[in-house]
Structure formats: structure tokens, C-alpha cells
Amino acid sequence: MSVLSLAFLIVAMGASFWFKSERRSLVFAGAQKIFKYIFWTAVILVFIFLFYQARQQFLLWQSNAPTSYLIPPYQNISYFLNYAFYTFFAKPVIALLLAIIFLILTMILNKKFQERFFEKEELYFGALGIFLIGYPGLIFYLIIVLLTGLVGALITKRRFSAYFLWFPIAIFVILIISIWVKNLSIWGTLSF
């Protein structure tokens, strides 16, 4: 799934660069709508992929003699559904819920403070990164984004925009998790 996540993040990063170049985001007011579509398209495609994986798992169990006793007619379907949920869907559902909470909270805060923190489409950058990185990697993502924003504000001593950093940080986190963090004991502690 990280390949699918990386592909979406690279496309979204290219779109963000295109909209921001020469102030197109000011000219093209639909940038927020496009990133909203990118976010929900990613959600739909990820869940289609997960349903495909669950179906393949069911067919594999069905074709194998010992595991065929774990599915109907020998076992209640709830056993397989429970297995499929915890194996394929639990972490993406948690990531989706946290991405939606992030989106709602940042919309409320941004509106309350007259869009001082984020540009309108930037809210979807963070939500897309949270969802595509998934749980528990999104914890590292949010920490790195917050630290980057804090360091940037301290260095520049003014408002620091993370507009161009959301997607590169998300790509960095996915790569670091794939290469290094999955082997650490903290990953096993955070994961289920």
C-alpha cells in the first residue's frame, strides 16, 4: 500500500507546486476543491484496494484444505469478517477518522483566526498525508510537521507556511517507516 500512497502524494505534491507557482492559487479559486477531490479519491481507491485484498484472502482460504474450515459453511462468516477488519481495515479506518478530525479542527481554527494558519487547500494536504501514511506512522508525521513549523517560525520570526512541506514530509515518513522504523520496538508497541 505504500506504493499507492507514494503515488498519490507525488501527484498531489506536483499539483500543489503547480497551483502555487505564479500565485495560481489566488487566480484559481478552485484549488481547494481539487485537493478535496484528490483526498476523497485517495480514500475511495485505498478502500477498493483493501476490499480486493480481503476478497483475495477469502478466495485463498477457500482454495486451501485446512483454511477452508475457517469460512462458511464450516465457520460463521463473522470469523472471517473480524479477521479481515483487523488485518486490512482497522489501521486505515483509524487513519481516516484522524484525518477527518484534523480536517474539521483545522477548518474551525483557520476560520476562527481569519485563515492565519493555513491556506484553504493546505488543510487537505495534512489530511491526505495523515490518511496515506496511516496508523501509527501518522504520529511521526504530525510530530515532524509541527516541529518543522515551529523551527521555521523561530528562524524566520514571522508566520511560517508549511505549504510546500506537507507532501515531502509525508513521503519522507513513508520511506523512513518502510526502511527503518518498522524494525524498531516502538513500532511494534504502537501497532496492533
Protein backbone atom coordinates (compact mmCIF):
# COMPACT_ATOMS: atom_id res chain seq x y z
CA MET A 1 0.00 0.00 0.00
CA SER A 2 2.93 2.37 0.49
CA VAL A 3 3.48 2.43 -3.30
CA LEU A 4 -0.11 3.62 -3.81
CA SER A 5 0.37 6.19 -1.04
CA LEU A 6 3.61 7.45 -2.55
CA ALA A 7 2.00 7.76 -6.00
CA PHE A 8 -0.87 9.84 -4.62
CA LEU A 9 1.47 12.04 -2.59
CA ILE A 10 3.71 12.70 -5.59
CA VAL A 11 0.71 13.64 -7.77
CA ALA A 12 -0.68 15.88 -5.03
CA MET A 13 2.74 17.48 -4.48
CA GLY A 14 3.03 18.25 -8.19
CA ALA A 15 -0.45 19.78 -8.17
CA SER A 16 0.41 21.91 -5.12
CA PHE A 17 3.56 23.23 -6.83
CA TRP A 18 1.60 23.98 -9.98
CA PHE A 19 -1.13 25.89 -8.14
CA LYS A 20 1.33 27.87 -6.05
CA SER A 21 3.64 28.82 -8.90
CA GLU A 22 3.00 32.36 -10.07
CA ARG A 23 0.21 32.71 -7.48
CA ARG A 24 -2.21 30.48 -9.38
CA SER A 25 -3.96 29.65 -6.10
CA LEU A 26 -5.07 33.29 -5.91
CA VAL A 27 -6.23 33.22 -9.51
CA PHE A 28 -7.66 29.73 -9.43
CA ALA A 29 -10.09 29.66 -6.51
CA GLY A 30 -10.92 26.01 -7.17
CA ALA A 31 -7.62 24.71 -5.77
CA GLN A 32 -9.29 23.73 -2.50
CA LYS A 33 -11.95 21.80 -4.39
CA ILE A 34 -9.36 19.92 -6.44
CA PHE A 35 -7.43 18.85 -3.33
CA LYS A 36 -10.71 17.85 -1.71
CA TYR A 37 -11.36 15.58 -4.72
CA ILE A 38 -7.80 14.22 -4.54
CA PHE A 39 -8.29 13.41 -0.84
CA TRP A 40 -11.62 11.60 -1.32
CA THR A 41 -10.38 9.81 -4.45
CA ALA A 42 -7.43 8.51 -2.44
CA VAL A 43 -9.80 7.33 0.30
CA ILE A 44 -12.05 5.53 -2.19
CA LEU A 45 -9.16 3.88 -4.07
CA VAL A 46 -7.47 2.74 -0.86
CA PHE A 47 -10.66 1.12 0.39
CA ILE A 48 -11.29 -0.52 -3.01
CA PHE A 49 -7.77 -1.95 -2.75
CA LEU A 50 -8.46 -3.17 0.80
CA PHE A 51 -11.71 -4.85 -0.25
CA TYR A 52 -9.79 -6.52 -3.07
CA GLN A 53 -7.19 -7.80 -0.60
CA ALA A 54 -9.92 -9.13 1.72
CA ARG A 55 -11.59 -10.88 -1.22
CA GLN A 56 -8.29 -12.44 -2.27
CA GLN A 57 -7.74 -13.64 1.29
CA PHE A 58 -11.19 -15.25 1.31
CA LEU A 59 -10.52 -16.97 -2.01
CA LEU A 60 -7.14 -18.19 -0.79
CA TRP A 61 -8.69 -19.67 2.35
CA GLN A 62 -11.45 -21.22 0.26
CA SER A 63 -8.98 -22.97 -2.04
CA ASN A 64 -6.80 -24.40 0.71
CA ALA A 65 -7.93 -27.51 2.63
CA PRO A 66 -7.02 -26.52 6.22
CA THR A 67 -8.11 -22.89 5.94
CA SER A 68 -11.37 -23.71 4.16
CA TYR A 69 -12.66 -24.76 7.60
CA LEU A 70 -12.30 -21.13 8.76
CA ILE A 71 -15.00 -19.84 6.38
CA PRO A 72 -18.64 -20.80 5.70
CA PRO A 73 -20.16 -23.39 5.69
CA TYR A 74 -17.82 -24.70 8.44
CA GLN A 75 -17.40 -21.45 10.36
CA ASN A 76 -19.62 -18.42 10.80
CA ILE A 77 -18.81 -15.57 8.37
CA SER A 78 -18.23 -13.28 11.35
CA TYR A 79 -14.87 -15.03 11.95
CA PHE A 80 -13.60 -14.03 8.51
CA LEU A 81 -15.09 -10.52 8.72
CA ASN A 82 -13.42 -9.97 12.08
CA TYR A 83 -10.11 -11.25 10.69
CA ALA A 84 -10.41 -9.08 7.57
CA PHE A 85 -11.26 -5.98 9.60
CA TYR A 86 -8.29 -6.27 11.95
CA THR A 87 -5.89 -7.40 9.24
CA PHE A 88 -6.82 -5.00 6.43
CA PHE A 89 -9.20 -2.25 7.56
CA ALA A 90 -8.50 -1.25 11.19
CA LYS A 91 -5.44 0.94 10.62
CA PRO A 92 -6.83 2.74 7.52
CA VAL A 93 -10.14 3.38 9.35
CA ILE A 94 -8.23 4.89 12.30
CA ALA A 95 -6.15 6.99 9.88
CA LEU A 96 -9.29 8.16 8.05
CA LEU A 97 -11.01 9.14 11.29
CA LEU A 98 -7.93 11.06 12.46
CA ALA A 99 -7.60 12.75 9.04
CA ILE A 100 -11.24 13.87 9.21
CA ILE A 101 -10.78 15.12 12.79
CA PHE A 102 -7.66 17.01 11.64
CA LEU A 103 -9.61 18.49 8.74
CA ILE A 104 -12.52 19.62 10.92
CA LEU A 105 -10.31 21.06 13.67
CA THR A 106 -8.06 22.94 11.27
CA MET A 107 -11.09 24.32 9.39
CA ILE A 108 -12.57 25.59 12.65
CA LEU A 109 -9.28 27.09 13.87
CA ASN A 110 -8.46 28.57 10.48
CA LYS A 111 -11.88 30.21 10.25
CA LYS A 112 -11.69 31.48 13.86
CA PHE A 113 -8.29 33.12 13.23
CA GLN A 114 -9.13 34.53 9.75
CA GLU A 115 -7.09 31.91 7.84
CA ARG A 116 -3.88 32.94 9.53
CA PHE A 117 -2.52 29.39 9.88
CA PHE A 118 -3.23 27.64 6.60
CA GLU A 119 -4.29 28.36 3.07
CA LYS A 120 -7.64 26.75 2.21
CA GLU A 121 -6.24 23.87 0.18
CA GLU A 122 -3.47 23.27 2.72
CA LEU A 123 -5.94 21.65 5.12
CA TYR A 124 -6.37 18.79 2.67
CA PHE A 125 -2.58 18.43 2.37
CA GLY A 126 -2.35 17.47 6.02
CA ALA A 127 -5.43 15.24 5.91
CA LEU A 128 -4.12 13.42 2.83
CA GLY A 129 -0.74 12.89 4.46
CA ILE A 130 -2.33 11.58 7.67
CA PHE A 131 -4.55 9.16 5.78
CA LEU A 132 -1.97 7.86 3.32
CA ILE A 133 0.76 7.38 5.93
CA GLY A 134 -1.70 5.52 8.12
CA TYR A 135 -1.61 4.49 11.72
CA PRO A 136 0.81 4.53 13.63
CA GLY A 137 3.08 6.40 11.17
CA LEU A 138 0.82 9.44 11.27
CA ILE A 139 2.10 10.13 14.81
CA PHE A 140 5.63 10.63 13.44
CA TYR A 141 4.23 12.71 10.57
CA LEU A 142 2.36 15.12 12.83
CA ILE A 143 5.34 15.49 15.16
CA ILE A 144 7.71 16.25 12.26
CA VAL A 145 5.28 18.72 10.67
CA LEU A 146 4.74 20.54 13.99
CA LEU A 147 8.46 20.66 14.72
CA THR A 148 9.22 21.89 11.20
CA GLY A 149 6.62 24.64 11.52
CA LEU A 150 7.91 25.65 14.95
CA VAL A 151 11.55 25.74 13.84
CA GLY A 152 10.60 27.63 10.68
CA ALA A 153 8.69 30.24 12.72
CA LEU A 154 11.56 30.61 15.18
CA ILE A 155 14.12 31.06 12.42
CA THR A 156 12.09 33.49 10.31
CA LYS A 157 10.49 35.20 13.34
CA ARG A 158 7.22 35.53 11.45
CA ARG A 159 4.41 33.37 10.13
CA PHE A 160 5.89 30.24 8.59
CA SER A 161 3.92 28.47 5.88
CA ALA A 162 4.35 24.72 5.60
CA TYR A 163 2.59 24.77 2.21
CA PHE A 164 5.44 23.09 0.36
CA LEU A 165 6.42 20.80 3.23
CA TRP A 166 3.31 18.67 3.84
CA PHE A 167 3.87 16.28 0.95
CA PRO A 168 7.68 15.98 1.09
CA ILE A 169 7.47 15.26 4.82
CA ALA A 170 4.76 12.64 4.17
CA ILE A 171 6.93 10.97 1.51
CA PHE A 172 9.93 11.11 3.85
CA VAL A 173 7.94 9.50 6.69
CA ILE A 174 6.66 6.68 4.45
CA LEU A 175 10.18 5.95 3.22
CA ILE A 176 11.71 6.08 6.71
CA ILE A 177 8.99 3.79 8.07
CA SER A 178 9.49 1.33 5.21
CA ILE A 179 13.27 1.29 5.56
CA TRP A 180 13.98 1.74 9.26
CA VAL A 181 11.19 2.37 11.78
CA LYS A 182 9.30 -0.90 11.19
CA ASN A 183 12.29 -2.72 12.69
CA LEU A 184 12.23 -0.73 15.94
CA SER A 185 10.47 -1.96 19.06
CA ILE A 186 8.41 1.24 19.33
CA TRP A 187 6.68 0.35 16.05
CA GLY A 188 5.52 -2.95 17.49
CA THR A 189 4.33 -1.15 20.63
CA LEU A 190 2.28 1.41 18.68
CA SER A 191 0.98 -1.10 16.15
CA PHE A 192 -1.62 -3.79 16.76
